[in-house]
Amino acid sequence: MSGGEVAGILVAVFWAILVSFLAVVLVRLAQTLRATTKLVADVTEQAVPLLADASATVRSAQTQLDKVDAIASDVQEVTSNASALSTTVASTFGGPLVKVAAFGYGVRQALGRRAAPEPERARGAARRTVVVGRTVPAARDRKRSGRSSRRQKD
C-alpha cells in the first residue's frame, strides 16, 4: 500500500464517521421537530376553546359593567335628589327652629335669674372681694377657670 492509498482510506473512514454523526443528528432533529409539531397541534386544540371562553367572559364582564354603570348613574341621581331635599328642608325649617331655640334659651335665662334669691347674689359678690395680701378661694377658682368677673355677674 502506498501513501496515497492509506490517505484515501483515512479520508473514506473520516467521511463515514462524519456521515454517521450527521445521520444521528438528523434523526434526533426529526424527532424534536415531530414532538414540536405535536405540541403546537395540542396547544392549538386547547387554545381555541380557551379563547372562546375568554371571549365569553369578556362579554359577560362588559354586560356586568354596563349594569354597574346604570346603577352608579341611578345612585348619583338619588344622591343629588337627597342633597336637594336636605337643602330644602334646612332652608324651610332651619330658620324657624333656630329662632324657637333662641327664644327658649332666652326664656330659661330670664326665669333662672328671676328665681335666684337676692341674698345669694350678695353673698356671691362678697366672695369676689380680695383681702389685702390674700385672695378669697372663690376668686382663685375663677382665675383658674379663666372666667371674668363680668361673666359671673351674668
Protein backbone atom coordinates (compact mmCIF):
# COMPACT_ATOMS: atom_id res chain seq x y z
CA MET A 1 0.00 0.00 0.00
CA SER A 2 1.26 3.24 -0.98
CA GLY A 3 0.95 6.52 0.89
CA GLY A 4 -1.85 7.71 -1.41
CA GLU A 5 -3.91 4.61 -0.77
CA VAL A 6 -3.54 4.99 3.02
CA ALA A 7 -4.57 8.63 2.76
CA GLY A 8 -7.61 7.63 0.68
CA ILE A 9 -8.64 5.01 3.23
CA LEU A 10 -8.27 7.55 6.07
CA VAL A 11 -10.36 10.10 4.20
CA ALA A 12 -13.02 7.45 3.47
CA VAL A 13 -13.17 6.42 7.17
CA PHE A 14 -13.35 10.10 8.21
CA TRP A 15 -16.24 10.71 5.77
CA ALA A 16 -18.03 7.57 7.03
CA ILE A 17 -17.75 8.76 10.65
CA LEU A 18 -18.88 12.26 9.65
CA VAL A 19 -21.88 10.93 7.72
CA SER A 20 -22.82 8.63 10.63
CA PHE A 21 -22.60 11.56 13.08
CA LEU A 22 -24.72 13.74 10.77
CA ALA A 23 -27.28 10.92 10.37
CA VAL A 24 -27.66 10.63 14.16
CA VAL A 25 -28.03 14.42 14.46
CA LEU A 26 -30.64 14.50 11.69
CA VAL A 27 -32.63 11.63 13.27
CA ARG A 28 -32.71 13.44 16.64
CA LEU A 29 -33.64 16.71 14.91
CA ALA A 30 -36.51 14.92 13.14
CA GLN A 31 -37.74 13.55 16.49
CA THR A 32 -37.59 17.03 18.02
CA LEU A 33 -39.50 18.51 15.08
CA ARG A 34 -42.18 15.80 15.37
CA ALA A 35 -42.56 16.49 19.12
CA THR A 36 -42.72 20.23 18.48
CA THR A 37 -45.34 19.76 15.76
CA LYS A 38 -47.42 17.59 18.11
CA LEU A 39 -47.06 20.16 20.92
CA VAL A 40 -48.15 23.02 18.64
CA ALA A 41 -51.15 20.97 17.47
CA ASP A 42 -52.16 20.22 21.09
CA VAL A 43 -51.77 23.86 22.09
CA THR A 44 -53.85 24.94 19.11
CA GLU A 45 -56.57 22.44 20.02
CA GLN A 46 -56.67 23.73 23.59
CA ALA A 47 -56.19 27.40 22.78
CA VAL A 48 -59.23 27.71 20.54
CA PRO A 49 -61.73 26.72 23.30
CA LEU A 50 -59.82 28.81 25.82
CA LEU A 51 -60.04 31.84 23.55
CA ALA A 52 -63.75 31.21 23.05
CA ASP A 53 -64.21 31.02 26.86
CA ALA A 54 -62.15 34.17 27.34
CA SER A 55 -64.25 35.97 24.75
CA ALA A 56 -67.46 34.88 26.50
CA THR A 57 -66.04 36.02 29.84
CA VAL A 58 -65.14 39.42 28.43
CA ARG A 59 -68.66 39.79 27.01
CA SER A 60 -70.15 38.84 30.37
CA ALA A 61 -67.87 41.31 32.16
CA GLN A 62 -68.91 44.03 29.72
CA THR A 63 -72.57 43.27 30.44
CA GLN A 64 -71.94 43.46 34.19
CA LEU A 65 -70.03 46.73 33.78
CA ASP A 66 -72.95 48.18 31.84
CA LYS A 67 -75.27 47.18 34.70
CA VAL A 68 -72.91 48.70 37.29
CA ASP A 69 -72.71 51.88 35.24
CA ALA A 70 -76.51 52.11 35.18
CA ILE A 71 -76.65 51.54 38.94
CA ALA A 72 -73.97 54.16 39.55
CA SER A 73 -75.84 56.74 37.49
CA ASP A 74 -79.03 55.95 39.44
CA VAL A 75 -77.16 56.34 42.73
CA GLN A 76 -75.76 59.65 41.56
CA GLU A 77 -79.28 60.84 40.71
CA VAL A 78 -80.59 59.70 44.11
CA THR A 79 -77.70 61.47 45.83
CA SER A 80 -78.40 64.72 44.04
CA ASN A 81 -82.11 64.42 44.89
CA ALA A 82 -81.29 63.77 48.55
CA SER A 83 -78.97 66.77 48.59
CA ALA A 84 -81.66 68.97 47.10
CA LEU A 85 -84.19 67.64 49.61
CA SER A 86 -81.91 68.27 52.58
CA THR A 87 -81.20 71.79 51.35
CA THR A 88 -84.92 72.45 51.01
CA VAL A 89 -85.68 71.05 54.48
CA ALA A 90 -82.83 73.02 56.03
CA SER A 91 -83.93 76.27 54.44
CA THR A 92 -87.62 75.67 55.27
CA PHE A 93 -87.32 74.52 58.88
CA GLY A 94 -83.84 75.64 59.87
CA GLY A 95 -84.53 79.34 60.35
CA PRO A 96 -87.71 78.97 62.39
CA LEU A 97 -86.21 76.20 64.55
CA VAL A 98 -83.20 78.33 65.36
CA LYS A 99 -85.49 81.21 66.34
CA VAL A 100 -87.60 78.94 68.57
CA ALA A 101 -84.47 77.54 70.23
CA ALA A 102 -83.08 81.03 70.83
CA PHE A 103 -86.41 82.16 72.30
CA GLY A 104 -86.49 79.13 74.60
CA TYR A 105 -82.96 79.80 75.74
CA GLY A 106 -83.79 83.42 76.48
CA VAL A 107 -86.87 82.42 78.48
CA ARG A 108 -84.83 79.90 80.50
CA GLN A 109 -82.18 82.52 81.24
CA ALA A 110 -84.79 85.04 82.32
CA LEU A 111 -86.58 82.56 84.57
CA GLY A 112 -83.27 81.41 86.03
CA ARG A 113 -82.28 84.96 87.03
CA ARG A 114 -85.68 85.66 88.42
CA ALA A 115 -85.69 82.51 90.57
CA ALA A 116 -82.30 83.24 92.18
CA PRO A 117 -82.77 84.78 95.65
CA GLU A 118 -81.29 88.19 96.33
CA PRO A 119 -79.13 87.20 99.36
CA GLU A 120 -77.29 84.58 97.31
CA ARG A 121 -76.32 87.24 94.80
CA ALA A 122 -74.98 89.44 97.57
CA ARG A 123 -73.05 86.54 99.02
CA GLY A 124 -71.59 85.86 95.54
CA ALA A 125 -70.44 89.48 95.39
CA ALA A 126 -68.79 89.12 98.80
CA ARG A 127 -66.86 86.09 97.57
CA ARG A 128 -65.38 88.11 94.77
CA THR A 129 -63.67 90.54 97.07
CA VAL A 130 -59.95 90.45 97.58
CA VAL A 131 -58.48 90.80 101.05
CA VAL A 132 -55.16 92.63 101.18
CA GLY A 133 -52.33 90.16 100.71
CA ARG A 134 -54.59 87.22 100.07
CA THR A 135 -57.23 86.08 97.58
CA VAL A 136 -60.54 84.55 98.61
CA PRO A 137 -60.87 80.88 97.39
CA ALA A 138 -63.83 81.59 95.10
CA ALA A 139 -61.79 84.27 93.34
CA ARG A 140 -58.89 81.82 92.88
CA ASP A 141 -61.19 79.25 91.30
CA ARG A 142 -62.49 81.87 88.93
CA LYS A 143 -58.94 82.80 87.92
CA ARG A 144 -58.06 79.17 87.25
CA SER A 145 -61.11 78.56 85.08
CA GLY A 146 -60.34 81.70 83.09
CA ARG A 147 -63.69 83.39 83.72
CA SER A 148 -64.00 87.10 84.13
CA SER A 149 -65.97 88.74 86.91
CA ARG A 150 -68.46 90.06 84.34
CA ARG A 151 -69.48 86.54 83.34
CA GLN A 152 -70.02 85.61 86.97
CA LYS A 153 -72.42 88.51 87.43
CA ASP A 154 -74.49 87.50 84.39
